[in-house]
Protein backbone atom coordinates (compact mmCIF):
# COMPACT_ATOMS: atom_id res chain seq x y z
CA MET A 1 0.64 8.15 -17.92
CA LYS A 2 1.33 6.48 -14.18
CA GLU A 3 -1.49 4.39 -12.25
CA ILE A 4 -1.13 3.84 -9.06
CA ARG A 5 -3.21 1.84 -6.78
CA TRP A 6 -3.59 2.79 -2.74
CA HIS A 7 -4.78 0.21 -0.28
CA GLY A 8 -5.71 0.82 3.00
CA ARG A 9 -8.09 0.74 5.67
CA GLY A 10 -11.40 2.88 6.07
CA GLY A 11 -10.39 6.09 8.62
CA GLN A 12 -6.28 5.33 7.84
CA GLY A 13 -6.66 7.97 4.94
CA ALA A 14 -5.60 6.58 1.95
CA LYS A 15 -8.46 7.85 0.18
CA THR A 16 -7.25 11.59 1.66
CA ALA A 17 -3.34 10.68 0.68
CA SER A 18 -4.58 9.66 -3.13
CA GLN A 19 -6.37 13.70 -3.03
CA LEU A 20 -3.49 14.80 -2.08
CA LEU A 21 -0.98 13.52 -4.46
CA ALA A 22 -3.19 14.54 -7.50
CA ASP A 23 -3.73 18.23 -6.26
CA ILE A 24 0.49 17.86 -6.10
CA ASN A 25 0.64 16.55 -9.42
CA LEU A 26 -2.09 19.24 -10.55
CA GLN A 27 0.28 21.91 -9.45
CA GLU A 28 3.24 20.55 -11.57
CA GLY A 29 1.31 21.12 -14.22
CA LYS A 30 0.07 17.24 -14.99
CA PHE A 31 -3.55 15.66 -15.75
CA VAL A 32 -4.76 13.95 -12.61
CA GLN A 33 -7.41 11.48 -11.16
CA SER A 34 -7.71 10.39 -8.09
CA PHE A 35 -10.60 8.24 -7.01
CA PRO A 36 -11.90 5.80 -4.34
CA GLU A 37 -12.97 2.32 -4.73
CA TYR A 38 -15.52 1.33 -1.74
CA GLY A 39 -18.89 0.66 -0.98
CA PRO A 40 -20.68 1.07 2.70
CA GLU A 41 -18.00 -0.26 4.51
CA ARG A 42 -17.57 0.84 7.98
CA SER A 43 -14.28 2.72 9.78
CA GLY A 44 -11.40 -0.34 9.44
CA ALA A 45 -12.69 -2.07 6.11
CA PRO A 46 -10.50 -3.02 3.37
CA ILE A 47 -10.62 0.43 0.63
CA ARG A 48 -8.93 1.03 -2.77
CA ALA A 49 -8.11 4.25 -4.18
CA TYR A 50 -6.19 5.26 -7.24
CA ASN A 51 -4.54 7.89 -9.28
CA ARG A 52 -3.51 8.40 -12.86
CA VAL A 53 -0.83 10.92 -13.40
CA SER A 54 0.10 12.22 -17.10
CA ASP A 55 1.67 14.93 -19.53
CA LYS A 56 -1.53 14.49 -21.51
CA LYS A 57 -5.33 14.65 -21.18
CA ILE A 58 -6.84 11.39 -19.65
CA ARG A 59 -9.33 9.57 -21.61
CA VAL A 60 -9.72 6.23 -19.19
CA HIS A 61 -12.46 6.47 -16.57
CA SER A 62 -12.09 2.89 -15.10
CA GLY A 63 -10.42 1.34 -12.11
CA VAL A 64 -6.50 0.97 -11.66
CA ASP A 65 -6.00 -2.73 -12.65
CA GLU A 66 -2.39 -2.51 -13.69
CA PRO A 67 -0.53 -0.04 -11.91
CA GLU A 68 3.16 1.05 -12.11
CA VAL A 69 3.52 1.68 -7.92
CA VAL A 70 1.42 -0.21 -5.10
CA ALA A 71 1.10 1.99 -1.77
CA VAL A 72 -0.12 -0.42 1.07
CA VAL A 73 -0.81 2.01 4.09
CA ASP A 74 -1.82 -1.12 6.34
CA PRO A 75 0.55 -3.83 6.06
CA THR A 76 -2.44 -6.41 7.07
CA LEU A 77 -3.64 -6.19 3.96
CA LEU A 78 -0.75 -7.56 2.30
CA GLN A 79 -2.69 -11.02 2.82
CA ALA A 80 -6.22 -9.71 3.12
CA ALA A 81 -6.24 -7.33 0.22
CA SER A 82 -4.19 -8.88 -2.63
CA PRO A 83 -2.21 -5.75 -3.28
CA THR A 84 0.08 -6.94 -5.94
CA GLU A 85 -2.76 -8.18 -8.35
CA GLY A 86 -1.97 -6.71 -11.68
CA LEU A 87 1.34 -4.94 -10.53
CA SER A 88 4.04 -6.11 -12.95
CA GLU A 89 7.55 -7.42 -12.11
CA ASP A 90 9.00 -4.06 -13.41
CA GLY A 91 6.33 -2.14 -11.03
CA VAL A 92 7.04 -0.74 -7.32
CA LEU A 93 5.34 -2.13 -4.04
CA LEU A 94 5.44 0.60 -1.04
CA VAL A 95 4.60 -0.93 1.94
CA ASN A 96 4.41 0.50 5.16
CA THR A 97 5.87 -2.42 7.89
CA PRO A 98 9.24 -2.20 9.81
CA ASN A 99 9.51 -5.44 8.18
CA SER A 100 12.50 -5.83 5.30
CA SER A 101 11.68 -6.01 1.46
CA ASP A 102 13.27 -9.49 1.51
CA GLU A 103 10.40 -9.98 4.13
CA VAL A 104 7.78 -8.55 2.34
CA LYS A 105 8.73 -10.24 -1.00
CA ASP A 106 8.72 -13.60 0.90
CA GLU A 107 4.91 -13.01 2.23
CA THR A 108 3.40 -11.52 -1.16
CA GLY A 109 5.79 -14.05 -3.37
CA PHE A 110 5.88 -10.60 -5.15
CA THR A 111 9.29 -10.48 -6.86
CA GLY A 112 9.58 -7.16 -8.33
CA LYS A 113 10.92 -3.93 -6.49
CA VAL A 114 9.40 -3.88 -2.88
CA ILE A 115 10.17 -1.03 -0.76
CA THR A 116 9.33 -0.49 2.95
CA ILE A 117 9.37 2.08 5.47
CA ASP A 118 7.76 2.11 9.04
CA ALA A 119 5.79 5.09 8.10
CA THR A 120 3.79 4.03 11.44
CA LYS A 121 6.43 4.91 13.75
CA ILE A 122 7.58 8.02 11.53
CA ALA A 123 3.92 9.06 12.24
CA GLU A 124 3.99 8.39 15.86
CA ASP A 125 7.19 9.67 16.30
CA ALA A 126 6.55 13.07 14.73
CA GLY A 127 3.17 13.45 16.89
CA SER A 128 0.83 12.75 13.90
CA GLY A 129 -1.00 9.70 14.25
CA TYR A 130 -1.68 8.80 10.86
CA ALA A 131 0.74 6.61 8.85
CA ASN A 132 -0.62 7.91 5.25
CA ILE A 133 0.85 10.84 5.36
CA PRO A 134 4.91 9.53 5.56
CA MET A 135 3.38 7.28 3.13
CA LEU A 136 2.24 9.93 0.72
CA GLY A 137 5.81 11.77 1.51
CA ALA A 138 7.53 8.36 0.75
CA LEU A 139 5.50 8.18 -2.71
CA VAL A 140 6.49 11.23 -3.69
CA ALA A 141 10.21 10.57 -3.66
CA VAL A 142 9.57 7.12 -5.22
CA LEU A 143 7.81 9.00 -8.27
CA GLY A 144 10.59 12.14 -8.54
CA THR A 145 7.98 14.90 -7.63
CA GLU A 146 9.19 18.03 -6.60
CA TYR A 147 9.25 18.03 -3.12
CA GLU A 148 8.93 22.07 -2.87
CA VAL A 149 5.57 21.93 -4.64
CA ALA A 150 4.69 18.91 -2.97
CA GLU A 151 4.92 20.29 0.71
CA SER A 152 3.59 23.19 0.11
CA GLU A 153 0.39 21.57 -1.79
CA VAL A 154 0.19 19.19 1.48
CA SER A 155 0.55 22.20 3.67
CA LYS A 156 -2.38 24.30 1.95
CA ALA A 157 -4.49 21.24 2.03
CA LEU A 158 -4.15 20.55 5.60
CA SER A 159 -4.45 23.85 6.94
CA LYS A 160 -7.82 24.07 5.11
CA LYS A 161 -8.57 21.22 8.32
CA LEU A 162 -6.71 21.14 11.05
CA PRO A 163 -5.15 23.51 13.69
CA GLU A 164 -1.95 24.88 12.57
CA GLU A 165 0.40 23.05 15.09
CA ILE A 166 -1.52 19.76 13.68
CA VAL A 167 -0.75 20.67 10.05
CA GLU A 168 3.29 21.29 11.84
CA LEU A 169 3.41 17.87 12.96
CA ASN A 170 1.63 16.41 9.65
CA LEU A 171 4.60 18.15 7.66
CA GLU A 172 7.23 16.76 9.66
CA ALA A 173 5.77 13.31 9.15
CA PHE A 174 5.84 13.83 5.14
CA GLU A 175 9.31 14.99 5.26
CA ALA A 176 10.60 12.48 7.16
CA GLY A 177 8.89 9.98 4.96
CA TYR A 178 10.06 11.15 1.77
CA GLU A 179 13.42 11.79 3.21
CA LYS A 180 13.67 7.83 3.88
CA LEU A 181 13.43 7.36 0.60
CA SER A 182 14.96 10.35 -1.33
């Protein structure tokens, strides 16, 4: 079982990305969980979202304390939210930042694998506006998930809520995030 923890701020789409990742893995025939952790926070407050992905039925129903992967959508949370807490040195810290992996290691003190991607710039360049979608693309690449399944599921989910032209912009951002790390 893989456990993933997302760090973001309310309104940045970390919860949505977590739900999309669960949908993607469900299409691959996996057992999944996706759930947020937040209270009555307003937009902009730190939130956490979690995923569990397994080939077997998942019987754990608690927060994720020792994730294999942590995805940080908002780099200001590197200090404010302790995202490396519980992350082993064998784990992966995926951070939306223009900074290098070494700079993030210096900032956090984490000595394991750090992957950085400027998801904010990717989103802006694609015209989608939100870093969560390129971060999801990057995480799909890190997890080794089949791209075609992932893209199809993201397209299907976003098409239920957004106009076609906005869906296309988000798919461009998703692909760019994936391509950066594949």
